[in-house]
Amino acid sequence: MPSFEDVLKEQKSVFSNKGALSPHFVPDELPYRENEIRKLMVCLAPALSGQKAKNVFLYGKTGTGKSSSTRTVIKKLEDEKNERVKVIYMNCRVYDSRYKVLQKVITAFHPSFAKTGYSFAVLYERLLDWLEKDGKQLVVALDEVDMVKDLDNLVYTLTRANDDLTNGGIAIIGISNKVDFKQRLDARSRSSLCEEEMVFQPYNAEQLKGILSKRSEIAFQDTAVQESAINLAAAVAASENGDARYALLLLLRAGELSDAEKLDNVTDVQVEKSRKSAEEDKAFEIISTLPEHQQLLLYSIATLASEVAYKRLVEEGGEKLYFSGEVYERYAAVAKKLGKEPRTSRWYREYLKELEALGLINTVQSGKGIRGHTTLIRLSYEPQRVKQVIETKVLGE
């Protein structure tokens, strides 16, 4: 009978610390973000002198170091061991309302308030009392702040608290991937939240290479990653808006492929394979967030593609292209079967454009051998996988 120790010995791995490739891992050093970290520290430093820190709004595309830089500065602030400076970091995908944010802030320091049922007014007054008691300076970091449903109310509440306090203060760090997000705020919230603004630019290929090299030293066994693999992952991520998270994901999956194939190292071959897998995952994540009728349209194409007996199509290089009119008929039938009113053909054409812009389908105009002028549609991903995603997340099957 084998022991777990025996099993672990048999499972040789290219990794030494796989967690170092996680987007949640914060390294001791954050390359290429020294200026941003320093600027954020300058904004928060007044809290250590008993004064309110500045509100800061950080924005830029995914994987540009906003969250990691914020966590790095928060750790530095906590390392000061100042009892009157309190910091809380939360992801607004979870804490997506003013009430949830306020409750999270209070329960972080008053666990007895963890149970729900207190009114907003009670929570607000308790927060003021706690801050007032010995002049605490609170820094609230709101990652993906754009997910808060009543953000204008939240910003107003937290900034107004400073007017209601005679001792202590609250500062906000707002973080968003959506570069145009601040335009959605009303003028008062915008001026409060964006007291200081920092734009995080995408990493270039050389910077991504440096980030991956540093992280690989922690994540992989010595000499387990070939330089060509790092170069390819950096180049691919640079072409995808300079997303460091994507670059790290490519290396992580490449390492897992090497382990699965019982290889001793990671090469550009595994990176290329992981790229295809990551692109599929990204596409299926997009599918799960599409509006309902766009999902039904994709589902209709996928069902046509899986029907061997379906003859009204064109074959090109082994790929199946479906007539736009036939796809619309199937979409209308699927919608009616689910008790939905099919959208008009005008909306249908708009949906096709949007799905093509997202890379989920391809459309081509018919050529020789086909009577009339029509649009042909090709699904970009494996039909069965598309069906499974939509059946699970949309149809609830």
Protein backbone atom coordinates (compact mmCIF):
# COMPACT_ATOMS: atom_id res chain seq x y z
CA MET A 1 0.00 0.00 0.00
CA PRO A 2 1.66 3.28 -1.10
CA SER A 3 1.88 6.23 1.29
CA PHE A 4 1.31 9.87 0.37
CA GLU A 5 5.06 10.34 0.74
CA ASP A 6 5.63 7.70 -1.96
CA VAL A 7 3.07 9.33 -4.26
CA LEU A 8 4.62 12.77 -3.81
CA LYS A 9 8.09 11.42 -4.62
CA GLU A 10 6.75 9.92 -7.84
CA GLN A 11 5.16 13.24 -8.84
CA LYS A 12 8.27 15.02 -10.01
CA SER A 13 7.52 18.64 -10.87
CA VAL A 14 9.14 21.55 -12.69
CA PHE A 15 7.67 23.80 -9.98
CA SER A 16 9.21 24.70 -6.65
CA ASN A 17 6.52 27.24 -5.63
CA LYS A 18 3.61 27.28 -8.08
CA GLY A 19 1.79 29.92 -6.04
CA ALA A 20 4.37 32.51 -7.12
CA LEU A 21 2.65 32.60 -10.53
CA SER A 22 -0.74 33.42 -9.00
CA PRO A 23 -2.18 36.92 -9.58
CA HIS A 24 -2.65 37.12 -5.79
CA PHE A 25 1.06 36.63 -5.08
CA VAL A 26 2.78 39.89 -4.11
CA PRO A 27 6.57 39.66 -4.58
CA ASP A 28 9.02 41.49 -2.31
CA GLU A 29 9.96 43.66 -5.27
CA LEU A 30 7.60 44.91 -7.95
CA PRO A 31 9.69 45.70 -11.05
CA TYR A 32 8.84 48.70 -13.23
CA ARG A 33 6.33 50.13 -10.74
CA GLU A 34 8.73 51.93 -8.40
CA ASN A 35 7.48 55.39 -9.41
CA GLU A 36 3.82 54.44 -8.95
CA ILE A 37 4.54 52.88 -5.55
CA ARG A 38 6.39 55.98 -4.39
CA LYS A 39 3.61 58.29 -5.54
CA LEU A 40 0.99 56.18 -3.73
CA MET A 41 3.14 56.22 -0.56
CA VAL A 42 3.31 60.02 -0.74
CA CYS A 43 -0.51 60.14 -0.89
CA LEU A 44 -0.91 57.90 2.18
CA ALA A 45 2.01 59.17 4.28
CA PRO A 46 0.00 61.96 6.04
CA ALA A 47 -1.94 59.25 7.91
CA LEU A 48 1.22 58.41 9.87
CA SER A 49 1.25 61.99 11.16
CA GLY A 50 -2.38 61.84 12.26
CA GLN A 51 -3.69 63.63 9.17
CA LYS A 52 -6.11 62.40 6.53
CA ALA A 53 -4.44 60.67 3.59
CA LYS A 54 -5.36 61.74 0.06
CA ASN A 55 -8.06 59.94 -1.90
CA VAL A 56 -6.44 58.24 -4.89
CA PHE A 57 -7.92 56.75 -8.05
CA LEU A 58 -5.79 54.14 -9.86
CA TYR A 59 -6.80 53.03 -13.30
CA GLY A 60 -5.40 51.11 -16.25
CA LYS A 61 -5.97 47.87 -18.07
CA THR A 62 -5.96 44.43 -16.43
CA GLY A 63 -2.54 43.12 -15.46
CA THR A 64 -0.74 46.47 -15.22
CA GLY A 65 0.17 46.19 -11.53
CA LYS A 66 -2.51 48.34 -9.88
CA SER A 67 -3.60 45.80 -7.27
CA SER A 68 -0.06 44.51 -6.60
CA SER A 69 1.26 48.05 -6.15
CA THR A 70 -1.60 48.85 -3.76
CA ARG A 71 -0.99 45.69 -1.72
CA THR A 72 2.73 46.47 -1.59
CA VAL A 73 2.08 49.97 -0.23
CA ILE A 74 -0.53 48.68 2.24
CA LYS A 75 2.01 46.19 3.60
CA LYS A 76 4.58 48.97 4.00
CA LEU A 77 1.99 51.08 5.82
CA GLU A 78 1.07 48.19 8.14
CA ASP A 79 4.75 47.49 8.81
CA GLU A 80 4.95 50.95 10.43
CA LYS A 81 2.93 49.45 13.34
CA ASN A 82 1.08 52.71 13.93
CA GLU A 83 -1.93 51.85 16.11
CA ARG A 84 -3.88 54.83 14.86
CA VAL A 85 -3.53 53.93 11.18
CA LYS A 86 -5.90 51.21 9.95
CA VAL A 87 -6.05 49.82 6.42
CA ILE A 88 -8.58 47.52 4.79
CA TYR A 89 -8.44 46.10 1.27
CA MET A 90 -11.49 44.54 -0.37
CA ASN A 91 -12.58 43.31 -3.78
CA CYS A 92 -15.80 44.99 -4.85
CA ARG A 93 -16.89 41.99 -6.89
CA VAL A 94 -17.80 40.62 -3.45
CA TYR A 95 -18.51 43.86 -1.57
CA ASP A 96 -20.60 45.48 -4.28
CA SER A 97 -22.80 47.93 -2.37
CA ARG A 98 -22.41 50.79 0.10
CA TYR A 99 -23.93 48.69 2.88
CA LYS A 100 -21.62 45.70 2.27
CA VAL A 101 -18.53 47.92 2.14
CA LEU A 102 -19.44 49.70 5.37
CA GLN A 103 -20.24 46.44 7.12
CA LYS A 104 -16.95 44.91 5.96
CA VAL A 105 -15.00 47.91 7.28
CA ILE A 106 -16.66 47.75 10.69
CA THR A 107 -16.55 43.95 11.13
CA ALA A 108 -12.84 43.94 10.23
CA PHE A 109 -12.23 45.83 13.48
CA HIS A 110 -15.42 44.93 15.38
CA PRO A 111 -16.12 41.19 14.70
CA SER A 112 -19.27 41.38 16.82
CA PHE A 113 -20.88 43.33 13.98
CA ALA A 114 -20.48 40.41 11.56
CA LYS A 115 -24.15 39.50 11.76
CA THR A 116 -26.50 41.37 9.47
CA GLY A 117 -29.55 43.31 10.58
CA TYR A 118 -28.06 46.61 11.67
CA SER A 119 -29.40 49.58 9.75
CA PHE A 120 -27.12 51.70 7.62
CA ALA A 121 -27.45 54.58 10.11
CA VAL A 122 -26.28 52.36 12.99
CA LEU A 123 -23.27 51.15 11.01
CA TYR A 124 -22.36 54.70 10.01
CA GLU A 125 -22.59 56.04 13.56
CA ARG A 126 -20.56 53.12 14.93
CA LEU A 127 -17.86 53.77 12.32
CA LEU A 128 -17.68 57.45 13.32
CA ASP A 129 -17.49 56.55 17.03
CA TRP A 130 -14.68 54.06 16.39
CA LEU A 131 -12.64 56.56 14.37
CA GLU A 132 -13.31 59.46 16.75
CA LYS A 133 -12.26 57.54 19.87
CA ASP A 134 -8.52 58.06 19.44
CA GLY A 135 -8.28 59.85 16.12
CA LYS A 136 -7.78 56.85 13.83
CA GLN A 137 -6.89 57.36 10.19
CA LEU A 138 -8.60 54.73 8.01
CA VAL A 139 -7.54 53.87 4.46
CA VAL A 140 -10.14 51.89 2.47
CA ALA A 141 -8.79 50.25 -0.72
CA LEU A 142 -11.61 49.31 -3.11
CA ASP A 143 -10.38 47.02 -5.88
CA GLU A 144 -12.65 46.87 -8.96
CA VAL A 145 -14.49 49.82 -7.47
CA ASP A 146 -16.61 50.04 -10.64
CA MET A 147 -18.52 46.95 -9.45
CA VAL A 148 -20.17 48.88 -6.58
CA LYS A 149 -23.80 49.35 -7.60
CA ASP A 150 -24.37 52.57 -5.63
CA LEU A 151 -20.83 53.96 -5.86
CA ASP A 152 -21.85 57.62 -5.88
CA ASN A 153 -23.61 57.05 -2.55
CA LEU A 154 -20.61 55.15 -1.15
CA VAL A 155 -18.10 57.86 -2.13
CA TYR A 156 -20.40 60.54 -0.72
CA THR A 157 -20.80 58.65 2.57
CA LEU A 158 -17.08 58.02 3.10
CA THR A 159 -16.04 61.56 2.19
CA ARG A 160 -18.87 63.11 4.18
CA ALA A 161 -17.67 61.17 7.23
CA ASN A 162 -14.63 63.45 7.30
CA ASP A 163 -16.96 66.44 7.76
CA ASP A 164 -18.73 64.67 10.63
CA LEU A 165 -15.48 63.80 12.42
CA THR A 166 -13.64 66.17 14.74
CA ASN A 167 -10.89 63.59 15.25
CA GLY A 168 -9.67 60.98 12.71
CA GLY A 169 -10.37 60.57 9.01
CA ILE A 170 -11.09 58.27 6.06
CA ALA A 171 -9.22 58.07 2.75
CA ILE A 172 -10.19 55.99 -0.29
CA ILE A 173 -8.06 54.16 -2.84
CA GLY A 174 -10.25 53.33 -5.85
CA ILE A 175 -8.91 50.81 -8.38
CA SER A 176 -10.51 50.17 -11.78
CA ASN A 177 -9.61 48.34 -15.00
CA LYS A 178 -11.99 50.58 -16.94
CA VAL A 179 -10.08 53.62 -18.10
CA ASP A 180 -13.26 55.59 -18.84
CA PHE A 181 -14.94 54.65 -15.58
CA LYS A 182 -14.58 57.97 -13.75
CA GLN A 183 -16.72 59.63 -16.42
CA ARG A 184 -19.68 57.62 -15.12
CA LEU A 185 -19.45 59.20 -11.67
CA ASP A 186 -21.38 62.34 -10.85
CA ALA A 187 -19.29 65.51 -10.59
CA ARG A 188 -19.17 65.51 -6.78
CA SER A 189 -18.04 61.88 -6.52
CA ARG A 190 -15.50 62.38 -9.28
CA SER A 191 -13.86 65.35 -7.57
CA SER A 192 -13.76 63.47 -4.23
CA LEU A 193 -12.52 60.09 -5.43
CA CYS A 194 -10.06 61.47 -7.99
CA GLU A 195 -8.28 63.84 -5.59
CA GLU A 196 -5.11 62.24 -6.94
CA GLU A 197 -5.07 60.08 -10.09
CA MET A 198 -2.55 57.50 -11.27
CA VAL A 199 -2.61 55.84 -14.67
CA PHE A 200 -0.88 52.45 -14.95
CA GLN A 201 0.44 51.96 -18.47
CA PRO A 202 0.63 48.44 -20.01
CA TYR A 203 3.95 46.62 -19.71
CA ASN A 204 6.04 46.26 -22.88
CA ALA A 205 7.65 42.98 -23.98
CA GLU A 206 11.00 43.78 -22.33
CA GLN A 207 9.35 44.61 -19.01
CA LEU A 208 7.21 41.47 -19.14
CA LYS A 209 10.32 39.42 -19.81
CA GLY A 210 11.93 40.92 -16.70
CA ILE A 211 8.82 40.22 -14.58
CA LEU A 212 8.61 36.61 -15.78
CA SER A 213 12.33 36.01 -15.24
CA LYS A 214 12.12 37.25 -11.64
CA ARG A 215 8.95 35.30 -10.89
CA SER A 216 10.33 32.12 -12.54
CA GLU A 217 13.25 32.12 -10.13
CA ILE A 218 10.73 31.69 -7.29
CA ALA A 219 8.16 29.49 -9.04
CA PHE A 220 10.30 26.90 -10.87
CA GLN A 221 13.11 24.49 -10.15
CA ASP A 222 16.57 25.65 -11.25
CA THR A 223 17.01 25.56 -15.05
CA ALA A 224 13.45 24.22 -15.48
CA VAL A 225 12.34 27.10 -17.74
CA GLN A 226 14.05 27.76 -21.03
CA GLU A 227 14.66 31.39 -21.94
CA SER A 228 12.76 30.87 -25.19
CA ALA A 229 9.65 30.02 -23.15
CA ILE A 230 9.93 33.26 -21.16
CA ASN A 231 10.54 35.27 -24.33
CA LEU A 232 7.48 33.79 -26.05
CA ALA A 233 5.18 34.29 -23.04
CA ALA A 234 6.34 37.92 -22.77
CA ALA A 235 5.84 38.56 -26.49
CA VAL A 236 2.36 37.01 -26.51
CA ALA A 237 1.26 38.99 -23.42
CA ALA A 238 2.72 42.21 -24.85
CA SER A 239 0.52 41.72 -27.91
CA GLU A 240 -2.46 41.23 -25.54
CA ASN A 241 -2.34 44.76 -24.07
CA GLY A 242 0.74 44.21 -21.89
CA ASP A 243 -1.14 42.07 -19.36
CA ALA A 244 1.30 40.66 -16.77
CA ARG A 245 -1.40 38.36 -15.34
CA TYR A 246 -1.85 36.78 -18.75
CA ALA A 247 1.93 36.32 -19.09
CA LEU A 248 2.08 34.61 -15.69
CA LEU A 249 -0.91 32.42 -16.57
CA LEU A 250 0.83 31.28 -19.76
CA LEU A 251 3.90 30.20 -17.78
CA LEU A 252 1.79 28.53 -15.09
CA ARG A 253 -0.14 26.44 -17.62
CA ALA A 254 3.00 25.69 -19.59
CA GLY A 255 4.55 24.30 -16.40
CA GLU A 256 1.46 22.22 -15.70
CA LEU A 257 1.63 20.81 -19.23
CA SER A 258 5.28 19.89 -18.68
CA ASP A 259 4.33 18.09 -15.47
CA ALA A 260 1.47 16.27 -17.18
CA GLU A 261 3.82 15.16 -19.97
CA LYS A 262 6.50 14.25 -17.37
CA LEU A 263 9.04 16.62 -18.93
CA ASP A 264 12.03 18.07 -17.12
CA ASN A 265 11.63 21.61 -18.39
CA VAL A 266 9.29 24.19 -19.91
CA THR A 267 9.86 25.22 -23.53
CA ASP A 268 8.12 27.51 -26.00
CA VAL A 269 6.20 24.43 -27.21
CA GLN A 270 4.32 24.25 -23.90
CA VAL A 271 3.81 28.02 -23.88
CA GLU A 272 2.21 27.87 -27.33
CA LYS A 273 -0.10 25.08 -26.16
CA SER A 274 -1.04 27.02 -23.03
CA ARG A 275 -1.75 30.08 -25.16
CA LYS A 276 -4.43 28.22 -27.10
CA SER A 277 -5.96 26.93 -23.87
CA ALA A 278 -5.93 30.40 -22.27
CA GLU A 279 -7.56 31.96 -25.33
CA GLU A 280 -10.35 29.39 -25.13
CA ASP A 281 -10.89 30.06 -21.44
CA LYS A 282 -11.05 33.79 -22.07
CA ALA A 283 -13.57 33.25 -24.86
CA PHE A 284 -15.79 31.06 -22.68
CA GLU A 285 -15.64 33.63 -19.89
CA ILE A 286 -16.81 36.27 -22.39
CA ILE A 287 -19.62 33.96 -23.55
CA SER A 288 -20.90 33.57 -19.98
CA THR A 289 -21.25 37.35 -19.61
CA LEU A 290 -22.95 38.07 -22.96
CA PRO A 291 -26.53 39.43 -23.10
CA GLU A 292 -29.12 36.66 -23.21
CA HIS A 293 -30.05 36.84 -26.90
CA GLN A 294 -26.43 36.88 -28.03
CA GLN A 295 -25.90 33.72 -26.01
CA LEU A 296 -28.97 32.15 -27.62
CA LEU A 297 -27.61 33.06 -31.06
CA LEU A 298 -24.24 31.43 -30.30
CA TYR A 299 -26.05 28.40 -28.91
CA SER A 300 -28.07 28.13 -32.12
CA ILE A 301 -24.91 28.11 -34.26
CA ALA A 302 -23.35 25.51 -31.98
CA THR A 303 -26.39 23.23 -32.25
CA LEU A 304 -26.32 23.47 -36.05
CA ALA A 305 -22.63 22.60 -36.07
CA SER A 306 -23.23 19.49 -33.98
CA GLU A 307 -25.96 18.10 -36.25
CA VAL A 308 -24.40 15.65 -38.67
CA ALA A 309 -27.57 15.55 -40.78
CA TYR A 310 -27.61 19.34 -41.31
CA LYS A 311 -26.98 19.91 -45.04
CA ARG A 312 -27.58 23.63 -45.59
CA LEU A 313 -23.97 24.70 -45.20
CA VAL A 314 -20.77 25.33 -47.10
CA GLU A 315 -17.57 23.42 -46.38
CA GLU A 316 -14.28 25.28 -46.71
CA GLY A 317 -11.06 23.51 -45.83
CA GLY A 318 -12.97 21.10 -43.62
CA GLU A 319 -14.74 23.92 -41.72
CA LYS A 320 -18.49 24.38 -41.76
CA LEU A 321 -19.98 27.74 -42.70
CA TYR A 322 -23.69 28.30 -42.15
CA PHE A 323 -26.06 30.48 -44.12
CA SER A 324 -27.07 33.58 -42.15
CA GLY A 325 -30.78 33.02 -42.92
CA GLU A 326 -30.67 29.45 -41.64
CA VAL A 327 -28.88 30.56 -38.46
CA TYR A 328 -31.55 33.20 -37.82
CA GLU A 329 -34.30 30.58 -38.27
CA ARG A 330 -32.62 28.31 -35.72
CA TYR A 331 -32.11 31.22 -33.30
CA ALA A 332 -35.80 32.20 -33.56
CA ALA A 333 -36.85 28.59 -32.92
CA VAL A 334 -34.55 28.27 -29.88
CA ALA A 335 -35.78 31.58 -28.43
CA LYS A 336 -39.46 30.60 -28.85
CA LYS A 337 -38.83 27.20 -27.30
CA LEU A 338 -37.49 28.98 -24.21
CA GLY A 339 -40.46 31.35 -24.11
CA LYS A 340 -38.48 34.34 -25.39
CA GLU A 341 -39.53 36.72 -28.14
CA PRO A 342 -36.89 36.54 -30.95
CA ARG A 343 -35.21 39.82 -31.81
CA THR A 344 -35.80 41.32 -35.26
CA SER A 345 -33.46 40.62 -38.17
CA ARG A 346 -31.97 44.12 -37.71
CA TRP A 347 -30.94 43.29 -34.15
CA TYR A 348 -29.75 39.89 -35.35
CA ARG A 349 -27.31 41.59 -37.76
CA GLU A 350 -26.04 43.80 -34.93
CA TYR A 351 -25.49 40.73 -32.75
CA LEU A 352 -23.45 39.10 -35.51
CA LYS A 353 -21.21 42.18 -35.71
CA GLU A 354 -20.69 42.23 -31.94
CA LEU A 355 -19.94 38.50 -31.73
CA GLU A 356 -17.44 38.81 -34.57
CA ALA A 357 -15.76 41.80 -32.88
CA LEU A 358 -15.31 39.60 -29.79
CA GLY A 359 -13.70 36.88 -31.91
CA LEU A 360 -16.43 34.32 -31.16
CA ILE A 361 -17.55 33.90 -34.78
CA ASN A 362 -16.26 34.73 -38.26
CA THR A 363 -18.44 35.92 -41.12
CA VAL A 364 -17.60 35.86 -44.82
CA GLN A 365 -19.56 36.92 -47.87
CA SER A 366 -20.63 34.12 -50.21
CA GLY A 367 -18.68 33.72 -53.41
CA LYS A 368 -18.90 31.67 -56.57
CA GLY A 369 -21.12 28.63 -56.64
CA ILE A 370 -23.76 30.13 -54.34
CA ARG A 371 -26.82 31.79 -55.79
CA GLY A 372 -27.41 35.32 -54.57
CA HIS A 373 -25.40 37.32 -52.06
CA THR A 374 -25.45 36.10 -48.47
CA THR A 375 -23.40 36.03 -45.29
CA LEU A 376 -21.80 32.77 -44.17
CA ILE A 377 -21.08 32.19 -40.48
CA ARG A 378 -18.37 30.11 -38.86
CA LEU A 379 -18.07 29.38 -35.11
CA SER A 380 -14.55 30.18 -33.82
CA TYR A 381 -14.52 27.55 -31.06
CA GLU A 382 -15.41 23.91 -30.67
CA PRO A 383 -19.24 23.74 -30.84
CA GLN A 384 -19.66 21.20 -28.04
CA ARG A 385 -17.68 23.37 -25.61
CA VAL A 386 -19.73 26.44 -26.54
CA LYS A 387 -22.94 24.47 -25.98
CA GLN A 388 -21.74 23.22 -22.59
CA VAL A 389 -20.88 26.73 -21.37
CA ILE A 390 -24.25 28.15 -22.38
CA GLU A 391 -26.24 25.16 -21.14
CA THR A 392 -24.52 25.36 -17.76
CA LYS A 393 -24.52 29.11 -17.21
CA VAL A 394 -27.54 30.26 -19.16
CA LEU A 395 -30.00 27.42 -19.61
CA GLY A 396 -29.25 25.95 -16.19
CA GLU A 397 -28.94 22.39 -17.47
